[in-house]
Amino acid sequence: MPAPIDILSMGEPMVEFNQTRDGDGTMFLRGCGGDSSNFAVAAARQGARAGYISAIGNDANGALLRALWKAETVDDTHVRTVDDLPTGVYFVSHTDSGHQFDFARAGSAASRYTARDLPLDAIAAAKVLHLSGISLGISASACDAGYRAVEHARAKGVTVSFDTNLRRKLWPLGRARAVIWDVISLSDICLPSYDDIVQLSDMTDADEIVDRCLALGPTIVALKRGADGTLVADRSQRFQIPPYPCDAVDATGAGDTFGGAFVARIVAGDSIERAGHYAAAAAALSTQGYGAVTPIPTSDQVYALLKREGAA
């Protein structure tokens, strides 16, 4: 019998074309991405047993993703292959103001996912179900499926992890606000980004944001603040986790790496403070190469950085 899954992530996987600094901006590296898939890979590289729920096209991009999950020991049993729909792709361009994303995901297999497609038994057997704002924003049917998955997980005592990951191009801001705040209230581990919450509310103070999230229902909140570090909290304590030093070249997927590493360490029994330091180190290391997946570190690399910085 295969080992039970610790963390079951749900959303849209995508193939990534990431601009390099070679060839006057005309060279792109092909790789894999999609926030919830990145999350699963990050968790698996830290030693968690991770699995994925989604759908892909019966195409070369879908095959690339299958190969990734096999190599990373991410269980893809519950990823459907759809013959007549494509796998989504996106392009990352780098400018002086940061990285820019351009998506080609309309009508993708994952966007047509429905609540009827959910592997309810697998969700009930997992320790954690993870999804994000993108998981909910890609289509109305995917949003319904996300809600059904969360409801089933809660009914079965499965921990729900949620990353806000607001993408304005996916849905109107009013709908995003309503859905994301509602799902925060249904989650146990909340992984918001500061920039997301500023757009989703009138709050700008980090402690106020954490207080509001905790008041809605989550027992753990990790507020990601980029260069300002991360504020991690539960109902009785909170810690400011500073960013770890790195030679950053591409921040694509750094937040997903943080989330996957953080939840993996919580599942392993770490305190929120230890998990926060670990995840911050993992996120820093993930920015030192191009692409969302390739630079995600292993646990040995993370522990080496923590030891060098005196945080072991």
C-alpha atoms as a PDB file:
ATOM      1  CA  MET A   1       0.000   0.000   0.000  1.00  0.00           C
ATOM      2  CA  PRO A   2       1.330   3.484  -0.820  1.00  0.00           C
ATOM      3  CA  ALA A   3       2.035   5.784   2.112  1.00  0.00           C
ATOM      4  CA  PRO A   4      -0.833   8.162   2.947  1.00  0.00           C
ATOM      5  CA  ILE A   5      -0.504  11.716   1.643  1.00  0.00           C
ATOM      6  CA  ASP A   6       0.448  14.437   4.101  1.00  0.00           C
ATOM      7  CA  ILE A   7      -0.387  17.441   1.927  1.00  0.00           C
ATOM      8  CA  LEU A   8      -2.841  17.381  -0.971  1.00  0.00           C
ATOM      9  CA  SER A   9      -2.658  20.527  -3.085  1.00  0.00           C
ATOM     10  CA  MET A  10      -5.356  21.656  -5.525  1.00  0.00           C
ATOM     11  CA  GLY A  11      -5.241  24.126  -8.399  1.00  0.00           C
ATOM     12  CA  GLU A  12      -3.883  24.729 -11.875  1.00  0.00           C
ATOM     13  CA  PRO A  13      -0.448  23.507 -12.993  1.00  0.00           C
ATOM     14  CA  MET A  14       1.112  25.392 -15.886  1.00  0.00           C
ATOM     15  CA  VAL A  15       4.127  25.278 -18.168  1.00  0.00           C
ATOM     16  CA  GLU A  16       6.356  28.310 -17.760  1.00  0.00           C
ATOM     17  CA  PHE A  17       8.485  30.247 -20.231  1.00  0.00           C
ATOM     18  CA  ASN A  18      10.844  32.390 -18.155  1.00  0.00           C
ATOM     19  CA  GLN A  19      12.877  35.183 -19.718  1.00  0.00           C
ATOM     20  CA  THR A  20      16.615  35.013 -19.105  1.00  0.00           C
ATOM     21  CA  ARG A  21      19.140  37.838 -19.228  1.00  0.00           C
ATOM     22  CA  ASP A  22      20.740  36.305 -22.322  1.00  0.00           C
ATOM     23  CA  GLY A  23      19.903  37.136 -25.931  1.00  0.00           C
ATOM     24  CA  ASP A  24      18.686  40.693 -25.321  1.00  0.00           C
ATOM     25  CA  GLY A  25      15.544  39.397 -23.649  1.00  0.00           C
ATOM     26  CA  THR A  26      14.622  37.021 -26.452  1.00  0.00           C
ATOM     27  CA  MET A  27      15.640  33.807 -24.662  1.00  0.00           C
ATOM     28  CA  PHE A  28      13.123  31.952 -22.491  1.00  0.00           C
ATOM     29  CA  LEU A  29      13.616  28.835 -20.366  1.00  0.00           C
ATOM     30  CA  ARG A  30      10.834  26.270 -20.511  1.00  0.00           C
ATOM     31  CA  GLY A  31       9.849  24.837 -17.187  1.00  0.00           C
ATOM     32  CA  CYS A  32       6.930  24.087 -14.910  1.00  0.00           C
ATOM     33  CA  GLY A  33       4.884  26.345 -12.689  1.00  0.00           C
ATOM     34  CA  GLY A  34       1.467  27.032 -11.281  1.00  0.00           C
ATOM     35  CA  ASP A  35       1.311  28.144  -7.650  1.00  0.00           C
ATOM     36  CA  SER A  36      -0.356  25.054  -6.190  1.00  0.00           C
ATOM     37  CA  SER A  37       1.956  22.710  -8.113  1.00  0.00           C
ATOM     38  CA  ASN A  38       4.988  24.707  -6.962  1.00  0.00           C
ATOM     39  CA  PHE A  39       3.651  24.399  -3.418  1.00  0.00           C
ATOM     40  CA  ALA A  40       3.406  20.608  -3.722  1.00  0.00           C
ATOM     41  CA  VAL A  41       6.939  20.315  -5.130  1.00  0.00           C
ATOM     42  CA  ALA A  42       8.319  22.543  -2.376  1.00  0.00           C
ATOM     43  CA  ALA A  43       6.619  20.424   0.282  1.00  0.00           C
ATOM     44  CA  ALA A  44       7.921  17.211  -1.304  1.00  0.00           C
ATOM     45  CA  ARG A  45      11.508  18.514  -1.420  1.00  0.00           C
ATOM     46  CA  GLN A  46      11.292  19.101   2.322  1.00  0.00           C
ATOM     47  CA  GLY A  47      10.322  15.485   2.888  1.00  0.00           C
ATOM     48  CA  ALA A  48       6.528  15.694   3.031  1.00  0.00           C
ATOM     49  CA  ARG A  49       4.384  13.189   1.156  1.00  0.00           C
ATOM     50  CA  ALA A  50       2.629  15.473  -1.301  1.00  0.00           C
ATOM     51  CA  GLY A  51      -0.117  14.917  -3.838  1.00  0.00           C
ATOM     52  CA  TYR A  52      -1.980  17.011  -6.376  1.00  0.00           C
ATOM     53  CA  ILE A  53      -5.573  17.500  -7.566  1.00  0.00           C
ATOM     54  CA  SER A  54      -6.093  19.052 -10.987  1.00  0.00           C
ATOM     55  CA  ALA A  55      -6.552  18.447 -14.713  1.00  0.00           C
ATOM     56  CA  ILE A  56      -4.152  18.772 -17.650  1.00  0.00           C
ATOM     57  CA  GLY A  57      -4.417  18.496 -21.397  1.00  0.00           C
ATOM     58  CA  ASN A  58      -3.341  15.440 -23.365  1.00  0.00           C
ATOM     59  CA  ASP A  59      -0.447  17.414 -24.842  1.00  0.00           C
ATOM     60  CA  ALA A  60       3.311  17.922 -24.580  1.00  0.00           C
ATOM     61  CA  ASN A  61       2.926  20.465 -21.789  1.00  0.00           C
ATOM     62  CA  GLY A  62       0.816  18.065 -19.773  1.00  0.00           C
ATOM     63  CA  ALA A  63       3.410  15.346 -20.292  1.00  0.00           C
ATOM     64  CA  LEU A  64       6.117  17.708 -19.021  1.00  0.00           C
ATOM     65  CA  LEU A  65       4.161  18.268 -15.833  1.00  0.00           C
ATOM     66  CA  ARG A  66       3.590  14.534 -15.345  1.00  0.00           C
ATOM     67  CA  ALA A  67       7.343  13.993 -15.669  1.00  0.00           C
ATOM     68  CA  LEU A  68       7.975  16.701 -13.072  1.00  0.00           C
ATOM     69  CA  TRP A  69       5.630  15.178 -10.505  1.00  0.00           C
ATOM     70  CA  LYS A  70       7.115  11.731 -11.029  1.00  0.00           C
ATOM     71  CA  ALA A  71      10.643  13.064 -10.548  1.00  0.00           C
ATOM     72  CA  GLU A  72       9.594  15.009  -7.442  1.00  0.00           C
ATOM     73  CA  THR A  73       7.580  12.134  -5.915  1.00  0.00           C
ATOM     74  CA  VAL A  74       4.395  14.213  -5.996  1.00  0.00           C
ATOM     75  CA  ASP A  75       1.459  11.810  -6.292  1.00  0.00           C
ATOM     76  CA  ASP A  76      -0.465  12.737  -9.461  1.00  0.00           C
ATOM     77  CA  THR A  77      -3.048   9.959  -9.202  1.00  0.00           C
ATOM     78  CA  HIS A  78      -5.779  12.580  -8.896  1.00  0.00           C
ATOM     79  CA  VAL A  79      -4.714  14.727 -11.848  1.00  0.00           C
ATOM     80  CA  ARG A  80      -7.109  14.105 -14.746  1.00  0.00           C
ATOM     81  CA  THR A  81      -5.975  14.098 -18.390  1.00  0.00           C
ATOM     82  CA  VAL A  82      -8.493  15.727 -20.743  1.00  0.00           C
ATOM     83  CA  ASP A  83      -8.128  14.965 -24.450  1.00  0.00           C
ATOM     84  CA  ASP A  84      -9.779  18.027 -25.976  1.00  0.00           C
ATOM     85  CA  LEU A  85      -8.555  20.814 -23.652  1.00  0.00           C
ATOM     86  CA  PRO A  86      -5.063  22.342 -23.375  1.00  0.00           C
ATOM     87  CA  THR A  87      -2.655  22.661 -20.480  1.00  0.00           C
ATOM     88  CA  GLY A  88      -2.218  26.313 -19.486  1.00  0.00           C
ATOM     89  CA  VAL A  89       1.042  28.188 -20.080  1.00  0.00           C
ATOM     90  CA  TYR A  90       2.487  31.515 -18.929  1.00  0.00           C
ATOM     91  CA  PHE A  91       5.414  33.779 -19.718  1.00  0.00           C
ATOM     92  CA  VAL A  92       7.618  35.617 -17.202  1.00  0.00           C
ATOM     93  CA  SER A  93       9.373  38.822 -18.286  1.00  0.00           C
ATOM     94  CA  HIS A  94      11.805  40.721 -16.069  1.00  0.00           C
ATOM     95  CA  THR A  95      11.816  44.506 -15.884  1.00  0.00           C
ATOM     96  CA  ASP A  96      13.357  47.141 -13.615  1.00  0.00           C
ATOM     97  CA  SER A  97      10.143  47.141 -11.584  1.00  0.00           C
ATOM     98  CA  GLY A  98      10.083  43.361 -11.096  1.00  0.00           C
ATOM     99  CA  HIS A  99       8.713  40.351 -12.935  1.00  0.00           C
ATOM    100  CA  GLN A 100       5.666  40.478 -15.208  1.00  0.00           C
ATOM    101  CA  PHE A 101       3.372  37.546 -15.966  1.00  0.00           C
ATOM    102  CA  ASP A 102       1.438  36.953 -19.181  1.00  0.00           C
ATOM    103  CA  PHE A 103      -0.941  33.999 -19.193  1.00  0.00           C
ATOM    104  CA  ALA A 104      -2.460  31.755 -21.858  1.00  0.00           C
ATOM    105  CA  ARG A 105      -4.841  29.729 -19.708  1.00  0.00           C
ATOM    106  CA  ALA A 106      -8.345  30.504 -21.028  1.00  0.00           C
ATOM    107  CA  GLY A 107     -10.255  27.267 -21.538  1.00  0.00           C
ATOM    108  CA  SER A 108      -7.522  25.134 -19.979  1.00  0.00           C
ATOM    109  CA  ALA A 109      -8.267  21.673 -18.637  1.00  0.00           C
ATOM    110  CA  ALA A 110      -7.834  22.842 -15.048  1.00  0.00           C
ATOM    111  CA  SER A 111     -10.230  25.764 -15.555  1.00  0.00           C
ATOM    112  CA  ARG A 112     -12.955  23.285 -16.543  1.00  0.00           C
ATOM    113  CA  TYR A 113     -12.515  21.242 -13.354  1.00  0.00           C
ATOM    114  CA  THR A 114     -15.789  20.704 -11.453  1.00  0.00           C
ATOM    115  CA  ALA A 115     -16.896  19.549  -8.020  1.00  0.00           C
ATOM    116  CA  ARG A 116     -17.972  16.253  -9.596  1.00  0.00           C
ATOM    117  CA  ASP A 117     -14.320  15.531 -10.425  1.00  0.00           C
ATOM    118  CA  LEU A 118     -13.093  15.715  -6.809  1.00  0.00           C
ATOM    119  CA  PRO A 119     -11.420  12.656  -5.215  1.00  0.00           C
ATOM    120  CA  LEU A 120     -13.325  12.960  -1.941  1.00  0.00           C
ATOM    121  CA  ASP A 121     -11.817   9.831  -0.380  1.00  0.00           C
ATOM    122  CA  ALA A 122      -8.283  11.117  -1.022  1.00  0.00           C
ATOM    123  CA  ILE A 123      -9.126  14.499   0.521  1.00  0.00           C
ATOM    124  CA  ALA A 124     -10.548  12.793   3.610  1.00  0.00           C
ATOM    125  CA  ALA A 125      -7.388  10.687   3.989  1.00  0.00           C
ATOM    126  CA  ALA A 126      -4.921  13.583   3.756  1.00  0.00           C
ATOM    127  CA  LYS A 127      -3.544  15.556   6.691  1.00  0.00           C
ATOM    128  CA  VAL A 128      -3.734  18.898   4.870  1.00  0.00           C
ATOM    129  CA  LEU A 129      -5.696  20.196   1.888  1.00  0.00           C
ATOM    130  CA  HIS A 130      -4.081  23.245   0.273  1.00  0.00           C
ATOM    131  CA  LEU A 131      -5.503  25.665  -2.278  1.00  0.00           C
ATOM    132  CA  SER A 132      -5.149  29.311  -3.243  1.00  0.00           C
ATOM    133  CA  GLY A 133      -6.915  32.336  -4.638  1.00  0.00           C
ATOM    134  CA  ILE A 134      -5.786  31.233  -8.077  1.00  0.00           C
ATOM    135  CA  SER A 135      -7.330  27.794  -7.532  1.00  0.00           C
ATOM    136  CA  LEU A 136     -10.645  29.584  -6.982  1.00  0.00           C
ATOM    137  CA  GLY A 137     -10.267  32.381  -9.517  1.00  0.00           C
ATOM    138  CA  ILE A 138      -9.617  30.492 -12.746  1.00  0.00           C
ATOM    139  CA  SER A 139     -13.323  29.754 -13.334  1.00  0.00           C
ATOM    140  CA  ALA A 140     -16.695  29.511 -11.636  1.00  0.00           C
ATOM    141  CA  SER A 141     -16.630  25.698 -11.789  1.00  0.00           C
ATOM    142  CA  ALA A 142     -13.137  25.554 -10.285  1.00  0.00           C
ATOM    143  CA  CYS A 143     -14.296  27.892  -7.517  1.00  0.00           C
ATOM    144  CA  ASP A 144     -17.245  25.602  -6.775  1.00  0.00           C
ATOM    145  CA  ALA A 145     -14.875  22.640  -6.709  1.00  0.00           C
ATOM    146  CA  GLY A 146     -12.574  24.450  -4.302  1.00  0.00           C
ATOM    147  CA  TYR A 147     -15.437  25.221  -1.940  1.00  0.00           C
ATOM    148  CA  ARG A 148     -16.642  21.609  -2.067  1.00  0.00           C
ATOM    149  CA  ALA A 149     -13.126  20.348  -1.347  1.00  0.00           C
ATOM    150  CA  VAL A 150     -12.774  22.688   1.637  1.00  0.00           C
ATOM    151  CA  GLU A 151     -16.189  21.742   3.024  1.00  0.00           C
ATOM    152  CA  HIS A 152     -15.369  18.040   2.726  1.00  0.00           C
ATOM    153  CA  ALA A 153     -11.946  18.485   4.319  1.00  0.00           C
ATOM    154  CA  ARG A 154     -13.420  20.370   7.271  1.00  0.00           C
ATOM    155  CA  ALA A 155     -16.125  17.756   7.725  1.00  0.00           C
ATOM    156  CA  LYS A 156     -13.475  15.025   7.854  1.00  0.00           C
ATOM    157  CA  GLY A 157     -11.148  16.875  10.243  1.00  0.00           C
ATOM    158  CA  VAL A 158      -8.526  17.626   7.571  1.00  0.00           C
ATOM    159  CA  THR A 159      -6.480  20.811   8.047  1.00  0.00           C
ATOM    160  CA  VAL A 160      -7.143  23.428   5.351  1.00  0.00           C
ATOM    161  CA  SER A 161      -4.254  25.600   4.134  1.00  0.00           C
ATOM    162  CA  PHE A 162      -4.982  28.676   2.014  1.00  0.00           C
ATOM    163  CA  ASP A 163      -2.745  31.149   0.168  1.00  0.00           C
ATOM    164  CA  THR A 164      -4.485  34.347  -0.944  1.00  0.00           C
ATOM    165  CA  ASN A 165      -2.494  34.627  -4.227  1.00  0.00           C
ATOM    166  CA  LEU A 166      -4.635  37.382  -5.705  1.00  0.00           C
ATOM    167  CA  ARG A 167      -4.461  37.699  -9.500  1.00  0.00           C
ATOM    168  CA  ARG A 168      -6.542  40.667 -10.653  1.00  0.00           C
ATOM    169  CA  LYS A 169      -6.651  39.452 -14.257  1.00  0.00           C
ATOM    170  CA  LEU A 170      -8.592  36.358 -13.235  1.00  0.00           C
ATOM    171  CA  TRP A 171     -11.679  37.927 -11.706  1.00  0.00           C
ATOM    172  CA  PRO A 172     -13.293  41.228 -10.633  1.00  0.00           C
ATOM    173  CA  LEU A 173     -11.828  42.638  -7.425  1.00  0.00           C
ATOM    174  CA  GLY A 174     -15.210  42.655  -5.676  1.00  0.00           C
ATOM    175  CA  ARG A 175     -15.738  38.950  -6.260  1.00  0.00           C
ATOM    176  CA  ALA A 176     -12.138  38.175  -5.316  1.00  0.00           C
ATOM    177  CA  ARG A 177     -12.571  40.070  -2.045  1.00  0.00           C
ATOM    178  CA  ALA A 178     -15.751  38.220  -1.151  1.00  0.00           C
ATOM    179  CA  VAL A 179     -14.444  34.748  -2.006  1.00  0.00           C
ATOM    180  CA  ILE A 180     -10.927  35.089  -0.590  1.00  0.00           C
ATOM    181  CA  TRP A 181     -12.047  36.500   2.763  1.00  0.00           C
ATOM    182  CA  ASP A 182     -14.702  33.802   2.977  1.00  0.00           C
ATOM    183  CA  VAL A 183     -12.205  31.004   2.341  1.00  0.00           C
ATOM    184  CA  ILE A 184      -9.782  32.552   4.850  1.00  0.00           C
ATOM    185  CA  SER A 185     -12.584  32.090   7.396  1.00  0.00           C
ATOM    186  CA  LEU A 186     -12.788  28.394   6.431  1.00  0.00           C
ATOM    187  CA  SER A 187      -9.045  27.730   6.628  1.00  0.00           C
ATOM    188  CA  ASP A 188      -6.811  26.577   9.480  1.00  0.00           C
ATOM    189  CA  ILE A 189      -3.484  27.797   8.084  1.00  0.00           C
ATOM    190  CA  CYS A 190      -3.640  31.149   6.286  1.00  0.00           C
ATOM    191  CA  LEU A 191      -0.729  32.228   4.065  1.00  0.00           C
ATOM    192  CA  PRO A 192      -1.603  35.756   2.879  1.00  0.00           C
ATOM    193  CA  SER A 193       0.698  38.100   1.008  1.00  0.00           C
ATOM    194  CA  TYR A 194       0.832  41.651   2.327  1.00  0.00           C
ATOM    195  CA  ASP A 195       0.269  43.181  -1.120  1.00  0.00           C
ATOM    196  CA  ASP A 196      -2.796  40.974  -1.603  1.00  0.00           C
ATOM    197  CA  ILE A 197      -4.410  42.026   1.665  1.00  0.00           C
ATOM    198  CA  VAL A 198      -3.817  45.721   0.957  1.00  0.00           C
ATOM    199  CA  GLN A 199      -5.867  45.277  -2.234  1.00  0.00           C
ATOM    200  CA  LEU A 200      -8.476  43.123  -0.524  1.00  0.00           C
ATOM    201  CA  SER A 201      -9.074  45.479   2.410  1.00  0.00           C
ATOM    202  CA  ASP A 202      -8.387  48.929   3.821  1.00  0.00           C
ATOM    203  CA  MET A 203      -5.639  47.608   6.122  1.00  0.00           C
ATOM    204  CA  THR A 204      -1.921  48.369   5.855  1.00  0.00           C
ATOM    205  CA  ASP A 205      -0.673  47.495   9.352  1.00  0.00           C
ATOM    206  CA  ALA A 206       0.823  44.001   9.517  1.00  0.00           C
ATOM    207  CA  ASP A 207      -0.364  43.239  13.048  1.00  0.00           C
ATOM    208  CA  GLU A 208      -3.864  44.437  12.206  1.00  0.00           C
ATOM    209  CA  ILE A 209      -3.933  42.155   9.166  1.00  0.00           C
ATOM    210  CA  VAL A 210      -2.834  39.164  11.218  1.00  0.00           C
ATOM    211  CA  ASP A 211      -5.387  39.994  13.926  1.00  0.00           C
ATOM    212  CA  ARG A 212      -8.213  40.114  11.389  1.00  0.00           C
ATOM    213  CA  CYS A 213      -7.204  36.812   9.801  1.00  0.00           C
ATOM    214  CA  LEU A 214      -6.989  35.085  13.179  1.00  0.00           C
ATOM    215  CA  ALA A 215     -10.355  36.525  14.225  1.00  0.00           C
ATOM    216  CA  LEU A 216     -12.007  34.971  11.168  1.00  0.00           C
ATOM    217  CA  GLY A 217     -11.002  31.426  12.099  1.00  0.00           C
ATOM    218  CA  PRO A 218      -7.480  30.296  11.138  1.00  0.00           C
ATOM    219  CA  THR A 219      -5.307  29.064  13.984  1.00  0.00           C
ATOM    220  CA  ILE A 220      -2.023  29.905  12.187  1.00  0.00           C
ATOM    221  CA  VAL A 221      -1.240  32.913   9.986  1.00  0.00           C
ATOM    222  CA  ALA A 222       1.992  33.568   8.085  1.00  0.00           C
ATOM    223  CA  LEU A 223       1.873  37.041   6.515  1.00  0.00           C
ATOM    224  CA  LYS A 224       4.447  37.196   3.698  1.00  0.00           C
ATOM    225  CA  ARG A 225       5.947  40.670   3.329  1.00  0.00           C
ATOM    226  CA  GLY A 226       8.724  40.204   0.775  1.00  0.00           C
ATOM    227  CA  ALA A 227      11.838  42.160   1.700  1.00  0.00           C
ATOM    228  CA  ASP A 228      10.280  42.973   5.090  1.00  0.00           C
ATOM    229  CA  GLY A 229      10.202  39.314   6.090  1.00  0.00           C
ATOM    230  CA  THR A 230       7.262  37.322   7.423  1.00  0.00           C
ATOM    231  CA  LEU A 231       5.022  37.754  10.450  1.00  0.00           C
ATOM    232  CA  VAL A 232       3.928  34.353  11.771  1.00  0.00           C
ATOM    233  CA  ALA A 233       1.322  34.041  14.479  1.00  0.00           C
ATOM    234  CA  ASP A 234      -1.149  31.861  16.271  1.00  0.00           C
ATOM    235  CA  ARG A 235      -3.717  32.714  18.931  1.00  0.00           C
ATOM    236  CA  SER A 236      -1.105  33.166  21.688  1.00  0.00           C
ATOM    237  CA  GLN A 237       2.159  34.317  20.080  1.00  0.00           C
ATOM    238  CA  ARG A 238       3.685  35.962  17.024  1.00  0.00           C
ATOM    239  CA  PHE A 239       7.167  36.251  15.582  1.00  0.00           C
ATOM    240  CA  GLN A 240       8.767  38.545  13.038  1.00  0.00           C
ATOM    241  CA  ILE A 241      10.905  36.365  10.747  1.00  0.00           C
ATOM    242  CA  PRO A 242      13.544  38.402   8.880  1.00  0.00           C
ATOM    243  CA  PRO A 243      14.391  37.677   5.244  1.00  0.00           C
ATOM    244  CA  TYR A 244      17.451  35.496   4.739  1.00  0.00           C
ATOM    245  CA  PRO A 245      20.377  36.727   2.618  1.00  0.00           C
ATOM    246  CA  CYS A 246      20.440  35.616  -1.000  1.00  0.00           C
ATOM    247  CA  ASP A 247      21.692  36.566  -4.451  1.00  0.00           C
ATOM    248  CA  ALA A 248      18.256  36.958  -5.994  1.00  0.00           C
ATOM    249  CA  VAL A 249      17.810  36.742  -9.763  1.00  0.00           C
ATOM    250  CA  ASP A 250      14.167  35.620 -10.062  1.00  0.00           C
ATOM    251  CA  ALA A 251      11.501  35.698  -7.356  1.00  0.00           C
ATOM    252  CA  THR A 252       8.997  33.620  -9.353  1.00  0.00           C
ATOM    253  CA  GLY A 253       7.451  31.063  -7.011  1.00  0.00           C
ATOM    254  CA  ALA A 254       9.213  32.270  -3.855  1.00  0.00           C
ATOM    255  CA  GLY A 255       5.908  32.654  -2.018  1.00  0.00           C
ATOM    256  CA  ASP A 256       4.839  29.164  -3.105  1.00  0.00           C
ATOM    257  CA  THR A 257       8.144  27.777  -1.832  1.00  0.00           C
ATOM    258  CA  PHE A 258       7.598  29.521   1.495  1.00  0.00           C
ATOM    259  CA  GLY A 259       4.106  28.071   1.783  1.00  0.00           C
ATOM    260  CA  GLY A 260       5.053  24.514   0.858  1.00  0.00           C
ATOM    261  CA  ALA A 261       8.045  24.521   3.190  1.00  0.00           C
ATOM    262  CA  PHE A 262       6.090  26.130   6.036  1.00  0.00           C
ATOM    263  CA  VAL A 263       3.190  23.691   5.910  1.00  0.00           C
ATOM    264  CA  ALA A 264       5.577  20.739   5.509  1.00  0.00           C
ATOM    265  CA  ARG A 265       7.366  21.730   8.704  1.00  0.00           C
ATOM    266  CA  ILE A 266       4.088  22.326  10.572  1.00  0.00           C
ATOM    267  CA  VAL A 267       2.991  18.812   9.559  1.00  0.00           C
ATOM    268  CA  ALA A 268       6.355  17.512  10.775  1.00  0.00           C
ATOM    269  CA  GLY A 269       5.680  19.025  14.205  1.00  0.00           C
ATOM    270  CA  ASP A 270       7.687  22.248  14.189  1.00  0.00           C
ATOM    271  CA  SER A 271       6.588  25.307  16.145  1.00  0.00           C
ATOM    272  CA  ILE A 272       5.370  28.241  14.059  1.00  0.00           C
ATOM    273  CA  GLU A 273       8.606  30.089  14.803  1.00  0.00           C
ATOM    274  CA  ARG A 274      10.846  27.241  13.636  1.00  0.00           C
ATOM    275  CA  ALA A 275       8.655  26.613  10.600  1.00  0.00           C
ATOM    276  CA  GLY A 276       8.755  30.328   9.783  1.00  0.00           C
ATOM    277  CA  HIS A 277      12.545  30.492   9.853  1.00  0.00           C
ATOM    278  CA  TYR A 278      12.812  27.323   7.803  1.00  0.00           C
ATOM    279  CA  ALA A 279      10.338  28.542   5.176  1.00  0.00           C
ATOM    280  CA  ALA A 280      11.977  31.982   4.953  1.00  0.00           C
ATOM    281  CA  ALA A 281      15.330  30.351   4.277  1.00  0.00           C
ATOM    282  CA  ALA A 282      13.776  28.081   1.647  1.00  0.00           C
ATOM    283  CA  ALA A 283      12.106  31.042  -0.073  1.00  0.00           C
ATOM    284  CA  ALA A 284      15.379  32.984  -0.148  1.00  0.00           C
ATOM    285  CA  LEU A 285      17.218  30.083  -1.770  1.00  0.00           C
ATOM    286  CA  SER A 286      14.450  29.698  -4.362  1.00  0.00           C
ATOM    287  CA  THR A 287      15.176  33.175  -5.760  1.00  0.00           C
ATOM    288  CA  GLN A 288      18.762  32.346  -6.721  1.00  0.00           C
ATOM    289  CA  GLY A 289      17.885  30.671 -10.039  1.00  0.00           C
ATOM    290  CA  TYR A 290      15.451  31.114 -12.901  1.00  0.00           C
ATOM    291  CA  GLY A 291      12.036  29.523 -12.916  1.00  0.00           C
ATOM    292  CA  ALA A 292       9.445  28.575 -10.345  1.00  0.00           C
ATOM    293  CA  VAL A 293      10.572  24.989  -9.699  1.00  0.00           C
ATOM    294  CA  THR A 294      14.231  24.359 -10.497  1.00  0.00           C
ATOM    295  CA  PRO A 295      15.623  26.620  -7.719  1.00  0.00           C
ATOM    296  CA  ILE A 296      13.349  25.236  -4.963  1.00  0.00           C
ATOM    297  CA  PRO A 297      15.840  23.938  -2.385  1.00  0.00           C
ATOM    298  CA  THR A 298      16.023  20.577  -0.675  1.00  0.00           C
ATOM    299  CA  SER A 299      15.930  20.270   3.091  1.00  0.00           C
ATOM    300  CA  ASP A 300      19.721  19.796   3.203  1.00  0.00           C
ATOM    301  CA  GLN A 301      20.209  23.124   1.418  1.00  0.00           C
ATOM    302  CA  VAL A 302      17.794  24.878   3.754  1.00  0.00           C
ATOM    303  CA  TYR A 303      19.444  23.519   6.877  1.00  0.00           C
ATOM    304  CA  ALA A 304      22.857  24.526   5.526  1.00  0.00           C
ATOM    305  CA  LEU A 305      21.684  28.135   5.141  1.00  0.00           C
ATOM    306  CA  LEU A 306      20.086  28.143   8.595  1.00  0.00           C
ATOM    307  CA  LYS A 307      23.318  26.853  10.094  1.00  0.00           C
ATOM    308  CA  ARG A 308      25.401  29.504   8.302  1.00  0.00           C
ATOM    309  CA  GLU A 309      23.064  32.203   9.616  1.00  0.00           C
ATOM    310  CA  GLY A 310      23.081  30.844  13.161  1.00  0.00           C
ATOM    311  CA  ALA A 311      19.409  29.889  13.110  1.00  0.00           C
ATOM    312  CA  ALA A 312      19.794  26.101  13.192  1.00  0.00           C
END
